[in-house]
């Protein structure tokens, strides 16, 4: 696969994901404003604390992608010699992340939030991808980043993806503490039946 095609795939998928996420975040923020008059506020259970520094991995990922897309020759030092099938596999995974993330956003609905603590009006979502795994948002983002690493045959992107995966893992633990504190036994039962990041074993309440 040549750099021009890899660039087009990266721009197309990244732009689509940014627009989809921005649209759904805007809807969620609009709902928060509409409900603010009723006195509903964020339930503050546990902040991210010391793992916040791992967010920086996301910044480095985007900087690297911009360089791969605009000046790929500058990034040759970070690219590996791989079989021709590897970039194509990466392209398939990258494109597959779009419907995966859209599926998550549609079922997450107004629960979409940048914080790790639920709001007073949030509900426990168990439909769609949440019937298969508890954290499909992180799984779909990992799919996107892994795909890009293979698409560009980049050990740098692979390293940044691993850093981001560490952040997803740490943040998911904080979120689960918050969710247990908010939903109580309902979430404990849900977590007992539904795996965390990968759909195995198959859950019983998928829809």
N, C-alpha and C. Protein backbone atom coordinates (compact mmCIF):
# COMPACT_ATOMS: atom_id res chain seq x y z
N UNK A 1 0.85 -1.19 0.00
CA UNK A 1 0.00 0.00 0.00
C UNK A 1 0.89 1.25 0.00
N UNK A 2 0.59 2.19 -0.88
CA UNK A 2 1.39 3.40 -0.92
C UNK A 2 0.92 4.42 0.12
N UNK A 3 1.78 5.43 0.35
CA UNK A 3 1.48 6.42 1.39
C UNK A 3 0.25 7.25 1.05
N UNK A 4 0.01 7.47 -0.23
CA UNK A 4 -1.14 8.30 -0.61
C UNK A 4 -2.45 7.63 -0.19
N UNK A 5 -2.55 6.33 -0.43
CA UNK A 5 -3.77 5.63 -0.05
C UNK A 5 -3.89 5.55 1.47
N UNK A 6 -2.78 5.30 2.16
CA UNK A 6 -2.80 5.27 3.62
C UNK A 6 -3.22 6.62 4.19
N UNK A 7 -2.75 7.69 3.55
CA UNK A 7 -3.12 9.04 3.98
C UNK A 7 -4.62 9.27 3.80
N UNK A 8 -5.17 8.86 2.67
CA UNK A 8 -6.59 9.06 2.42
C UNK A 8 -7.45 8.28 3.42
N UNK A 9 -7.05 7.05 3.71
CA UNK A 9 -7.79 6.24 4.67
C UNK A 9 -7.74 6.88 6.05
N UNK A 10 -6.56 7.34 6.45
CA UNK A 10 -6.40 7.95 7.77
C UNK A 10 -7.23 9.22 7.89
N UNK A 11 -7.16 10.09 6.89
CA UNK A 11 -7.93 11.34 6.92
C UNK A 11 -9.42 11.05 6.93
N UNK A 12 -9.85 10.13 6.08
CA UNK A 12 -11.27 9.83 5.99
C UNK A 12 -11.84 9.28 7.29
N UNK A 13 -11.14 8.30 7.87
CA UNK A 13 -11.64 7.67 9.10
C UNK A 13 -11.55 8.64 10.26
N UNK A 14 -10.41 9.31 10.42
CA UNK A 14 -10.24 10.24 11.55
C UNK A 14 -11.27 11.36 11.48
N UNK A 15 -11.49 11.91 10.29
CA UNK A 15 -12.47 13.00 10.15
C UNK A 15 -13.88 12.52 10.49
N UNK A 16 -14.22 11.34 10.03
CA UNK A 16 -15.54 10.78 10.31
C UNK A 16 -15.74 10.58 11.80
N UNK A 17 -14.74 10.04 12.48
CA UNK A 17 -14.86 9.79 13.91
C UNK A 17 -14.95 11.10 14.70
N UNK A 18 -14.19 12.09 14.29
CA UNK A 18 -14.25 13.39 14.97
C UNK A 18 -15.63 14.01 14.83
N UNK A 19 -16.19 13.96 13.63
CA UNK A 19 -17.52 14.54 13.39
C UNK A 19 -18.60 13.78 14.15
N UNK A 20 -18.53 12.45 14.12
CA UNK A 20 -19.52 11.64 14.84
C UNK A 20 -19.49 11.93 16.33
N UNK A 21 -18.29 11.95 16.90
CA UNK A 21 -18.15 12.18 18.33
C UNK A 21 -18.59 13.58 18.71
N UNK A 22 -18.23 14.57 17.88
CA UNK A 22 -18.62 15.95 18.16
C UNK A 22 -20.13 16.10 18.14
N UNK A 23 -20.78 15.45 17.19
CA UNK A 23 -22.25 15.54 17.09
C UNK A 23 -22.91 14.95 18.33
N UNK A 24 -22.47 13.78 18.75
CA UNK A 24 -23.08 13.12 19.90
C UNK A 24 -22.74 13.84 21.21
N UNK A 25 -21.55 14.40 21.30
CA UNK A 25 -21.21 15.18 22.50
C UNK A 25 -22.07 16.44 22.58
N UNK A 26 -22.32 17.05 21.45
CA UNK A 26 -23.16 18.25 21.43
C UNK A 26 -24.57 17.93 21.89
N UNK A 27 -25.10 16.80 21.45
CA UNK A 27 -26.43 16.38 21.90
C UNK A 27 -26.46 16.14 23.41
N UNK A 28 -25.40 15.51 23.92
CA UNK A 28 -25.34 15.23 25.35
C UNK A 28 -25.24 16.52 26.15
N UNK A 29 -24.42 17.47 25.68
CA UNK A 29 -24.29 18.75 26.40
C UNK A 29 -25.60 19.52 26.38
N UNK A 30 -26.31 19.43 25.25
CA UNK A 30 -27.61 20.11 25.16
C UNK A 30 -28.59 19.54 26.18
N UNK A 31 -28.54 18.22 26.36
CA UNK A 31 -29.43 17.59 27.33
C UNK A 31 -29.06 18.01 28.76
N UNK A 32 -27.75 18.13 29.03
CA UNK A 32 -27.32 18.56 30.36
C UNK A 32 -27.84 19.96 30.66
N UNK A 33 -27.74 20.85 29.68
CA UNK A 33 -28.24 22.22 29.88
C UNK A 33 -29.75 22.22 30.12
N UNK A 34 -30.45 21.34 29.38
CA UNK A 34 -31.90 21.30 29.52
C UNK A 34 -32.32 20.80 30.89
N UNK A 35 -31.52 19.92 31.47
CA UNK A 35 -31.85 19.34 32.77
C UNK A 35 -31.25 20.10 33.95
N UNK A 36 -30.39 21.07 33.66
CA UNK A 36 -29.70 21.77 34.74
C UNK A 36 -30.67 22.52 35.66
N UNK A 37 -31.79 22.96 35.10
CA UNK A 37 -32.77 23.70 35.90
C UNK A 37 -33.39 22.85 37.00
N UNK A 38 -33.30 21.51 36.87
CA UNK A 38 -33.87 20.62 37.89
C UNK A 38 -32.89 20.33 39.02
N UNK A 39 -31.70 20.91 38.93
CA UNK A 39 -30.73 20.75 40.00
C UNK A 39 -29.87 19.51 39.90
N UNK A 40 -29.92 18.77 38.77
CA UNK A 40 -29.11 17.57 38.62
C UNK A 40 -27.65 17.95 38.38
N UNK A 41 -26.75 17.30 39.10
CA UNK A 41 -25.34 17.61 38.98
C UNK A 41 -24.52 16.33 38.84
N UNK A 42 -23.24 16.52 38.55
CA UNK A 42 -22.34 15.37 38.42
C UNK A 42 -22.19 14.70 39.78
N UNK A 43 -22.21 13.38 39.78
CA UNK A 43 -21.94 12.63 41.00
C UNK A 43 -20.43 12.47 41.11
N UNK A 44 -19.81 13.14 42.07
CA UNK A 44 -18.35 13.13 42.20
C UNK A 44 -17.94 12.01 43.14
N UNK A 45 -17.44 10.93 42.56
CA UNK A 45 -17.10 9.77 43.38
C UNK A 45 -15.59 9.57 43.49
N UNK A 46 -14.91 9.59 42.37
CA UNK A 46 -13.47 9.40 42.41
C UNK A 46 -12.84 10.02 41.18
N UNK A 47 -11.92 10.98 41.32
CA UNK A 47 -11.29 11.62 40.17
C UNK A 47 -10.24 10.72 39.54
N UNK A 48 -9.76 11.11 38.37
CA UNK A 48 -8.73 10.33 37.70
C UNK A 48 -7.40 10.37 38.45
N UNK A 49 -7.12 11.49 39.08
CA UNK A 49 -5.91 11.59 39.90
C UNK A 49 -4.64 11.36 39.12
N UNK A 50 -3.81 10.42 39.59
CA UNK A 50 -2.46 10.27 39.04
C UNK A 50 -2.42 9.70 37.63
N UNK A 51 -3.51 9.15 37.12
CA UNK A 51 -3.46 8.60 35.76
C UNK A 51 -3.70 9.68 34.70
N UNK A 52 -4.01 10.91 35.14
CA UNK A 52 -4.33 11.96 34.17
C UNK A 52 -3.18 12.21 33.20
N UNK A 53 -1.93 11.99 33.65
CA UNK A 53 -0.78 12.23 32.78
C UNK A 53 -0.79 11.33 31.55
N UNK A 54 -1.47 10.17 31.66
CA UNK A 54 -1.53 9.26 30.52
C UNK A 54 -2.34 9.83 29.36
N UNK A 55 -3.13 10.86 29.65
CA UNK A 55 -3.88 11.52 28.57
C UNK A 55 -2.94 12.09 27.51
N UNK A 56 -1.72 12.42 27.92
CA UNK A 56 -0.77 13.01 26.97
C UNK A 56 -0.50 12.09 25.79
N UNK A 57 -0.68 10.78 25.99
CA UNK A 57 -0.48 9.85 24.89
C UNK A 57 -1.38 10.17 23.71
N UNK A 58 -2.59 10.64 23.99
CA UNK A 58 -3.51 11.01 22.92
C UNK A 58 -2.99 12.17 22.09
N UNK A 59 -2.35 13.14 22.75
CA UNK A 59 -1.79 14.29 22.03
C UNK A 59 -0.67 13.83 21.10
N UNK A 60 0.22 12.99 21.61
CA UNK A 60 1.33 12.51 20.77
C UNK A 60 0.83 11.68 19.59
N UNK A 61 -0.26 10.94 19.80
CA UNK A 61 -0.84 10.16 18.70
C UNK A 61 -1.29 11.08 17.57
N UNK A 62 -2.01 12.14 17.93
CA UNK A 62 -2.52 13.04 16.89
C UNK A 62 -1.39 13.80 16.20
N UNK A 63 -0.38 14.21 16.96
CA UNK A 63 0.78 14.86 16.34
C UNK A 63 1.46 13.92 15.36
N UNK A 64 1.64 12.68 15.76
CA UNK A 64 2.27 11.70 14.88
C UNK A 64 1.45 11.47 13.62
N UNK A 65 0.14 11.39 13.77
CA UNK A 65 -0.73 11.16 12.61
C UNK A 65 -0.64 12.32 11.63
N UNK A 66 -0.62 13.53 12.15
CA UNK A 66 -0.50 14.70 11.27
C UNK A 66 0.80 14.62 10.46
N UNK A 67 1.88 14.22 11.11
CA UNK A 67 3.15 14.10 10.41
C UNK A 67 3.13 12.97 9.38
N UNK A 68 2.52 11.84 9.74
CA UNK A 68 2.41 10.74 8.78
C UNK A 68 1.60 11.17 7.56
N UNK A 69 0.57 11.97 7.79
CA UNK A 69 -0.32 12.37 6.68
C UNK A 69 0.25 13.50 5.84
N UNK A 70 1.07 14.37 6.45
CA UNK A 70 1.57 15.54 5.71
C UNK A 70 3.00 15.35 5.22
N UNK A 71 3.85 14.77 6.06
CA UNK A 71 5.25 14.57 5.70
C UNK A 71 5.70 13.15 6.06
N UNK A 72 5.17 12.17 5.36
CA UNK A 72 5.49 10.77 5.71
C UNK A 72 6.97 10.45 5.65
N UNK A 73 7.73 11.17 4.78
CA UNK A 73 9.17 10.91 4.68
C UNK A 73 9.88 11.25 5.99
N UNK A 74 9.36 12.21 6.73
CA UNK A 74 9.97 12.59 8.00
C UNK A 74 9.83 11.47 9.04
N UNK A 75 8.85 10.59 8.83
CA UNK A 75 8.56 9.55 9.81
C UNK A 75 9.11 8.19 9.41
N UNK A 76 9.95 8.16 8.37
CA UNK A 76 10.50 6.87 7.92
C UNK A 76 11.27 6.16 9.01
N UNK A 77 11.89 6.91 9.93
CA UNK A 77 12.68 6.32 11.00
C UNK A 77 11.84 5.44 11.93
N UNK A 78 10.51 5.68 11.92
CA UNK A 78 9.64 4.94 12.84
C UNK A 78 8.85 3.83 12.16
N UNK A 79 9.19 3.56 10.89
CA UNK A 79 8.42 2.57 10.15
C UNK A 79 9.22 1.27 10.01
N UNK A 80 8.48 0.17 9.99
CA UNK A 80 9.08 -1.15 9.94
C UNK A 80 8.85 -1.79 8.58
N UNK A 81 9.76 -2.67 8.20
CA UNK A 81 9.57 -3.48 6.99
C UNK A 81 8.64 -4.63 7.35
N UNK A 82 7.47 -4.66 6.75
CA UNK A 82 6.46 -5.67 7.07
C UNK A 82 5.94 -6.30 5.79
N UNK A 83 5.31 -7.47 5.88
CA UNK A 83 4.68 -8.07 4.69
C UNK A 83 3.60 -7.15 4.13
N UNK A 84 3.35 -7.18 2.82
CA UNK A 84 2.37 -6.29 2.20
C UNK A 84 0.97 -6.41 2.80
N UNK A 85 0.66 -7.58 3.36
CA UNK A 85 -0.70 -7.77 3.89
C UNK A 85 -0.94 -6.96 5.17
N UNK A 86 0.13 -6.59 5.88
CA UNK A 86 -0.04 -5.92 7.18
C UNK A 86 -0.74 -4.56 7.04
N UNK A 87 -0.30 -3.66 6.13
CA UNK A 87 -1.02 -2.40 5.98
C UNK A 87 -2.48 -2.57 5.58
N UNK A 88 -2.76 -3.58 4.77
CA UNK A 88 -4.14 -3.81 4.37
C UNK A 88 -4.99 -4.29 5.54
N UNK A 89 -4.39 -5.12 6.40
CA UNK A 89 -5.09 -5.52 7.63
C UNK A 89 -5.35 -4.29 8.49
N UNK A 90 -4.35 -3.42 8.59
CA UNK A 90 -4.54 -2.19 9.36
C UNK A 90 -5.64 -1.32 8.78
N UNK A 91 -5.71 -1.24 7.45
CA UNK A 91 -6.76 -0.46 6.81
C UNK A 91 -8.14 -1.03 7.15
N UNK A 92 -8.25 -2.36 7.13
CA UNK A 92 -9.53 -3.00 7.44
C UNK A 92 -9.95 -2.71 8.89
N UNK A 93 -9.00 -2.80 9.83
CA UNK A 93 -9.32 -2.54 11.23
C UNK A 93 -9.68 -1.07 11.45
N UNK A 94 -8.96 -0.18 10.78
CA UNK A 94 -9.22 1.26 10.92
C UNK A 94 -10.62 1.59 10.43
N UNK A 95 -10.98 1.09 9.27
CA UNK A 95 -12.32 1.35 8.70
C UNK A 95 -13.40 0.70 9.57
N UNK A 96 -13.11 -0.50 10.09
CA UNK A 96 -14.10 -1.20 10.93
C UNK A 96 -14.38 -0.44 12.22
N UNK A 97 -13.46 0.41 12.65
CA UNK A 97 -13.68 1.16 13.90
C UNK A 97 -14.81 2.18 13.76
N UNK A 98 -15.11 2.61 12.53
CA UNK A 98 -16.16 3.62 12.33
C UNK A 98 -17.54 3.08 12.72
N UNK A 99 -18.02 1.97 12.13
CA UNK A 99 -19.32 1.45 12.58
C UNK A 99 -19.31 1.01 14.03
N UNK A 100 -18.15 0.54 14.52
CA UNK A 100 -18.06 0.14 15.93
C UNK A 100 -18.30 1.32 16.85
N UNK A 101 -17.65 2.44 16.58
CA UNK A 101 -17.80 3.63 17.42
C UNK A 101 -19.18 4.23 17.24
N UNK A 102 -19.72 4.21 16.04
CA UNK A 102 -21.09 4.71 15.83
C UNK A 102 -22.08 3.88 16.62
N UNK A 103 -21.91 2.57 16.64
CA UNK A 103 -22.78 1.67 17.41
C UNK A 103 -22.73 2.03 18.89
N UNK A 104 -21.52 2.29 19.39
CA UNK A 104 -21.36 2.67 20.79
C UNK A 104 -22.06 3.99 21.08
N UNK A 105 -21.84 4.99 20.24
CA UNK A 105 -22.41 6.31 20.47
C UNK A 105 -23.93 6.28 20.44
N UNK A 106 -24.50 5.50 19.54
CA UNK A 106 -25.96 5.43 19.44
C UNK A 106 -26.58 4.85 20.70
N UNK A 107 -25.93 3.88 21.29
CA UNK A 107 -26.49 3.26 22.50
C UNK A 107 -26.09 4.01 23.77
N UNK A 108 -24.95 4.68 23.74
CA UNK A 108 -24.53 5.46 24.90
C UNK A 108 -25.43 6.67 25.08
N UNK A 109 -25.82 7.28 23.98
CA UNK A 109 -26.79 8.38 24.02
C UNK A 109 -26.37 9.53 24.92
N UNK A 110 -27.27 9.92 25.81
CA UNK A 110 -27.03 11.07 26.68
C UNK A 110 -26.05 10.74 27.81
N UNK A 111 -25.64 9.49 27.92
CA UNK A 111 -24.64 9.12 28.92
C UNK A 111 -23.23 9.54 28.52
N UNK A 112 -23.07 9.99 27.28
CA UNK A 112 -21.75 10.38 26.80
C UNK A 112 -21.23 11.55 27.62
N UNK A 113 -20.05 11.38 28.19
CA UNK A 113 -19.48 12.42 29.05
C UNK A 113 -17.97 12.32 29.02
N UNK A 114 -17.30 13.45 29.20
CA UNK A 114 -15.84 13.45 29.24
C UNK A 114 -15.31 13.06 30.61
N UNK A 115 -16.16 13.05 31.62
CA UNK A 115 -15.75 12.69 32.96
C UNK A 115 -15.87 11.20 33.22
N UNK A 116 -15.28 10.76 34.33
CA UNK A 116 -15.33 9.35 34.68
C UNK A 116 -16.42 9.04 35.69
N UNK A 117 -17.16 10.07 36.13
CA UNK A 117 -18.25 9.87 37.09
C UNK A 117 -19.59 10.10 36.40
N UNK A 118 -20.61 9.28 36.69
CA UNK A 118 -21.92 9.45 36.06
C UNK A 118 -22.63 10.69 36.57
N UNK A 119 -23.55 11.17 35.77
CA UNK A 119 -24.41 12.28 36.18
C UNK A 119 -25.71 11.71 36.75
N UNK A 120 -26.46 12.59 37.41
CA UNK A 120 -27.65 12.12 38.13
C UNK A 120 -28.69 11.50 37.20
N UNK A 121 -28.73 11.91 35.94
CA UNK A 121 -29.75 11.40 35.01
C UNK A 121 -29.26 10.22 34.19
N UNK A 122 -28.01 9.80 34.39
CA UNK A 122 -27.48 8.68 33.60
C UNK A 122 -28.17 7.37 33.97
N UNK A 123 -28.26 6.51 32.95
CA UNK A 123 -28.85 5.19 33.14
C UNK A 123 -27.79 4.13 32.84
N UNK A 124 -28.00 2.95 33.37
CA UNK A 124 -27.09 1.84 33.11
C UNK A 124 -27.44 1.24 31.74
N UNK A 125 -26.55 1.46 30.78
CA UNK A 125 -26.79 1.00 29.41
C UNK A 125 -26.34 -0.45 29.28
N UNK A 126 -27.25 -1.30 28.82
CA UNK A 126 -26.92 -2.72 28.64
C UNK A 126 -27.33 -3.22 27.26
N UNK A 127 -27.65 -2.30 26.36
CA UNK A 127 -28.08 -2.67 25.01
C UNK A 127 -26.94 -2.53 24.02
N UNK A 128 -27.14 -3.04 22.81
CA UNK A 128 -26.15 -2.91 21.76
C UNK A 128 -24.81 -3.48 22.19
N UNK A 129 -23.72 -2.74 21.96
CA UNK A 129 -22.39 -3.25 22.32
C UNK A 129 -22.23 -3.45 23.82
N UNK A 130 -23.03 -2.72 24.61
CA UNK A 130 -22.94 -2.85 26.07
C UNK A 130 -23.56 -4.15 26.57
N UNK A 131 -24.26 -4.86 25.70
CA UNK A 131 -24.72 -6.19 26.03
C UNK A 131 -23.64 -7.25 25.82
N UNK A 132 -22.57 -6.84 25.13
CA UNK A 132 -21.48 -7.77 24.84
C UNK A 132 -20.26 -7.51 25.72
N UNK A 133 -19.90 -6.23 25.89
CA UNK A 133 -18.76 -5.86 26.73
C UNK A 133 -19.11 -4.58 27.51
N UNK A 134 -18.43 -4.39 28.63
CA UNK A 134 -18.75 -3.26 29.51
C UNK A 134 -18.13 -1.95 29.05
N UNK A 135 -17.03 -2.02 28.31
CA UNK A 135 -16.34 -0.80 27.89
C UNK A 135 -16.09 -0.81 26.38
N UNK A 136 -17.15 -0.85 25.57
CA UNK A 136 -16.95 -0.91 24.12
C UNK A 136 -16.33 0.35 23.54
N UNK A 137 -16.51 1.49 24.21
CA UNK A 137 -15.91 2.74 23.72
C UNK A 137 -14.39 2.60 23.67
N UNK A 138 -13.80 2.09 24.73
CA UNK A 138 -12.35 1.91 24.77
C UNK A 138 -11.91 0.83 23.80
N UNK A 139 -12.69 -0.22 23.67
CA UNK A 139 -12.33 -1.30 22.74
C UNK A 139 -12.34 -0.80 21.30
N UNK A 140 -13.34 0.03 20.96
CA UNK A 140 -13.43 0.55 19.59
C UNK A 140 -12.30 1.53 19.30
N UNK A 141 -11.95 2.37 20.28
CA UNK A 141 -10.83 3.30 20.08
C UNK A 141 -9.51 2.54 19.95
N UNK A 142 -9.36 1.48 20.72
CA UNK A 142 -8.15 0.66 20.60
C UNK A 142 -8.07 0.03 19.21
N UNK A 143 -9.21 -0.43 18.69
CA UNK A 143 -9.26 -1.00 17.34
C UNK A 143 -8.79 0.02 16.31
N UNK A 144 -9.24 1.26 16.46
CA UNK A 144 -8.84 2.35 15.56
C UNK A 144 -7.33 2.59 15.62
N UNK A 145 -6.79 2.69 16.84
CA UNK A 145 -5.36 2.97 17.00
C UNK A 145 -4.49 1.80 16.54
N UNK A 146 -4.92 0.58 16.85
CA UNK A 146 -4.18 -0.58 16.39
C UNK A 146 -4.16 -0.64 14.87
N UNK A 147 -5.32 -0.35 14.27
CA UNK A 147 -5.39 -0.34 12.82
C UNK A 147 -4.44 0.67 12.20
N UNK A 148 -4.36 1.86 12.80
CA UNK A 148 -3.44 2.88 12.29
C UNK A 148 -1.98 2.44 12.42
N UNK A 149 -1.65 1.78 13.52
CA UNK A 149 -0.29 1.30 13.72
C UNK A 149 0.11 0.32 12.61
N UNK A 150 -0.81 -0.55 12.25
CA UNK A 150 -0.53 -1.52 11.18
C UNK A 150 -0.57 -0.86 9.81
N UNK A 151 -1.51 0.06 9.63
CA UNK A 151 -1.64 0.75 8.34
C UNK A 151 -0.35 1.47 7.97
N UNK A 152 0.27 2.13 8.96
CA UNK A 152 1.50 2.87 8.71
C UNK A 152 2.75 2.05 9.04
N UNK A 153 2.58 0.80 9.48
CA UNK A 153 3.70 -0.07 9.85
C UNK A 153 4.65 0.65 10.81
N UNK A 154 4.06 1.29 11.81
CA UNK A 154 4.80 2.20 12.67
C UNK A 154 4.96 1.64 14.09
N UNK A 155 6.22 1.46 14.50
CA UNK A 155 6.45 1.03 15.89
C UNK A 155 6.14 2.18 16.85
N UNK A 156 6.28 3.44 16.38
CA UNK A 156 5.97 4.59 17.23
C UNK A 156 4.48 4.62 17.56
N UNK A 157 3.63 4.45 16.54
CA UNK A 157 2.20 4.43 16.79
C UNK A 157 1.81 3.24 17.65
N UNK A 158 2.50 2.11 17.44
CA UNK A 158 2.21 0.93 18.27
C UNK A 158 2.55 1.22 19.73
N UNK A 159 3.67 1.91 19.97
CA UNK A 159 4.06 2.26 21.33
C UNK A 159 3.05 3.22 21.96
N UNK A 160 2.63 4.22 21.19
CA UNK A 160 1.65 5.18 21.69
C UNK A 160 0.29 4.51 21.92
N UNK A 161 -0.04 3.55 21.07
CA UNK A 161 -1.28 2.80 21.26
C UNK A 161 -1.24 2.00 22.55
N UNK A 162 -0.08 1.41 22.85
CA UNK A 162 0.07 0.67 24.11
C UNK A 162 -0.07 1.61 25.30
N UNK A 163 0.49 2.82 25.19
CA UNK A 163 0.35 3.80 26.26
C UNK A 163 -1.11 4.19 26.45
N UNK A 164 -1.79 4.37 25.33
CA UNK A 164 -3.21 4.73 25.41
C UNK A 164 -4.03 3.59 25.99
N UNK A 165 -3.68 2.36 25.64
CA UNK A 165 -4.39 1.20 26.19
C UNK A 165 -4.20 1.13 27.71
N UNK A 166 -3.02 1.50 28.18
CA UNK A 166 -2.78 1.55 29.63
C UNK A 166 -3.69 2.56 30.29
N UNK A 167 -3.88 3.70 29.63
CA UNK A 167 -4.80 4.72 30.14
C UNK A 167 -6.23 4.19 30.16
N UNK A 168 -6.65 3.53 29.08
CA UNK A 168 -8.00 2.97 29.04
C UNK A 168 -8.23 1.99 30.19
N UNK A 169 -7.23 1.15 30.43
CA UNK A 169 -7.35 0.16 31.50
C UNK A 169 -7.47 0.84 32.86
N UNK A 170 -6.59 1.81 33.11
CA UNK A 170 -6.62 2.51 34.41
C UNK A 170 -7.91 3.30 34.59
N UNK A 171 -8.34 3.98 33.54
CA UNK A 171 -9.55 4.78 33.67
C UNK A 171 -10.79 3.90 33.82
N UNK A 172 -10.79 2.74 33.16
CA UNK A 172 -11.95 1.86 33.28
C UNK A 172 -12.13 1.39 34.73
N UNK A 173 -11.02 1.21 35.43
CA UNK A 173 -11.11 0.80 36.84
C UNK A 173 -11.75 1.90 37.68
N UNK A 174 -11.35 3.14 37.42
CA UNK A 174 -11.96 4.26 38.15
C UNK A 174 -13.44 4.37 37.81
N UNK A 175 -13.77 4.23 36.53
CA UNK A 175 -15.17 4.31 36.12
C UNK A 175 -16.00 3.23 36.80
N UNK A 176 -15.45 2.04 36.91
CA UNK A 176 -16.23 0.95 37.50
C UNK A 176 -16.47 1.19 39.00
N UNK A 177 -15.50 1.78 39.69
CA UNK A 177 -15.72 2.15 41.09
C UNK A 177 -16.85 3.16 41.18
N UNK A 178 -16.84 4.15 40.28
CA UNK A 178 -17.89 5.16 40.26
C UNK A 178 -19.26 4.56 39.93
N UNK A 179 -19.26 3.63 38.97
CA UNK A 179 -20.53 3.03 38.55
C UNK A 179 -21.12 2.13 39.64
N UNK A 180 -20.26 1.41 40.34
CA UNK A 180 -20.75 0.61 41.47
C UNK A 180 -21.31 1.54 42.55
N UNK A 181 -20.62 2.65 42.80
CA UNK A 181 -21.11 3.59 43.79
C UNK A 181 -22.43 4.23 43.40
N UNK A 182 -22.65 4.38 42.10
CA UNK A 182 -23.88 5.04 41.61
C UNK A 182 -25.03 4.05 41.42
N UNK A 183 -24.75 2.92 40.76
CA UNK A 183 -25.81 1.96 40.43
C UNK A 183 -25.90 0.80 41.42
N UNK A 184 -24.87 0.62 42.24
CA UNK A 184 -24.92 -0.41 43.27
C UNK A 184 -24.96 -1.82 42.73
N UNK A 185 -25.87 -2.63 43.27
CA UNK A 185 -25.95 -4.04 42.91
C UNK A 185 -26.31 -4.26 41.45
N UNK A 186 -27.01 -3.31 40.84
CA UNK A 186 -27.35 -3.45 39.41
C UNK A 186 -26.09 -3.54 38.57
N UNK A 187 -25.11 -2.69 38.90
CA UNK A 187 -23.87 -2.74 38.13
C UNK A 187 -23.04 -3.96 38.49
N UNK A 188 -23.04 -4.34 39.74
CA UNK A 188 -22.28 -5.54 40.14
C UNK A 188 -22.78 -6.77 39.39
N UNK A 189 -24.09 -6.90 39.26
CA UNK A 189 -24.66 -8.03 38.54
C UNK A 189 -24.32 -7.96 37.05
N UNK A 190 -24.41 -6.76 36.49
CA UNK A 190 -24.06 -6.56 35.09
C UNK A 190 -22.59 -6.91 34.84
N UNK A 191 -21.69 -6.44 35.72
CA UNK A 191 -20.26 -6.72 35.58
C UNK A 191 -19.96 -8.20 35.74
N UNK A 192 -20.76 -8.90 36.55
CA UNK A 192 -20.54 -10.33 36.74
C UNK A 192 -20.84 -11.11 35.47
N UNK A 193 -21.80 -10.67 34.69
CA UNK A 193 -22.24 -11.42 33.51
C UNK A 193 -21.55 -10.98 32.22
N UNK A 194 -21.13 -9.71 32.15
CA UNK A 194 -20.62 -9.16 30.89
C UNK A 194 -19.13 -8.88 31.01
N UNK A 195 -18.32 -9.41 30.09
CA UNK A 195 -16.87 -9.19 30.15
C UNK A 195 -16.51 -7.72 29.91
N UNK A 196 -15.26 -7.40 30.18
CA UNK A 196 -14.85 -6.00 30.21
C UNK A 196 -14.54 -5.40 28.84
N UNK A 197 -13.64 -6.01 28.10
CA UNK A 197 -13.18 -5.41 26.85
C UNK A 197 -13.41 -6.27 25.61
N UNK A 198 -13.51 -7.57 25.78
CA UNK A 198 -13.68 -8.48 24.64
C UNK A 198 -14.90 -9.35 24.87
N UNK A 199 -15.69 -9.62 23.83
CA UNK A 199 -16.97 -10.34 23.98
C UNK A 199 -16.82 -11.84 24.19
N UNK A 200 -16.17 -12.20 25.29
CA UNK A 200 -16.04 -13.62 25.61
C UNK A 200 -15.97 -13.79 27.12
N UNK A 201 -16.79 -14.62 27.73
CA UNK A 201 -17.82 -15.44 27.12
C UNK A 201 -19.02 -14.60 26.70
N UNK A 202 -19.83 -15.16 25.87
CA UNK A 202 -20.96 -14.42 25.31
C UNK A 202 -21.95 -14.08 26.42
N UNK A 203 -22.34 -12.79 26.52
CA UNK A 203 -23.31 -12.39 27.54
C UNK A 203 -24.73 -12.81 27.17
N UNK A 204 -25.59 -12.75 28.13
CA UNK A 204 -26.97 -13.24 27.91
C UNK A 204 -27.96 -12.15 27.58
N UNK A 205 -27.63 -10.86 27.85
CA UNK A 205 -28.64 -9.82 27.70
C UNK A 205 -28.40 -8.91 26.48
N UNK A 206 -27.65 -9.40 25.44
CA UNK A 206 -27.44 -8.59 24.25
C UNK A 206 -28.75 -8.38 23.52
N UNK A 207 -28.83 -7.24 22.81
CA UNK A 207 -30.06 -6.95 22.04
C UNK A 207 -29.69 -6.37 20.68
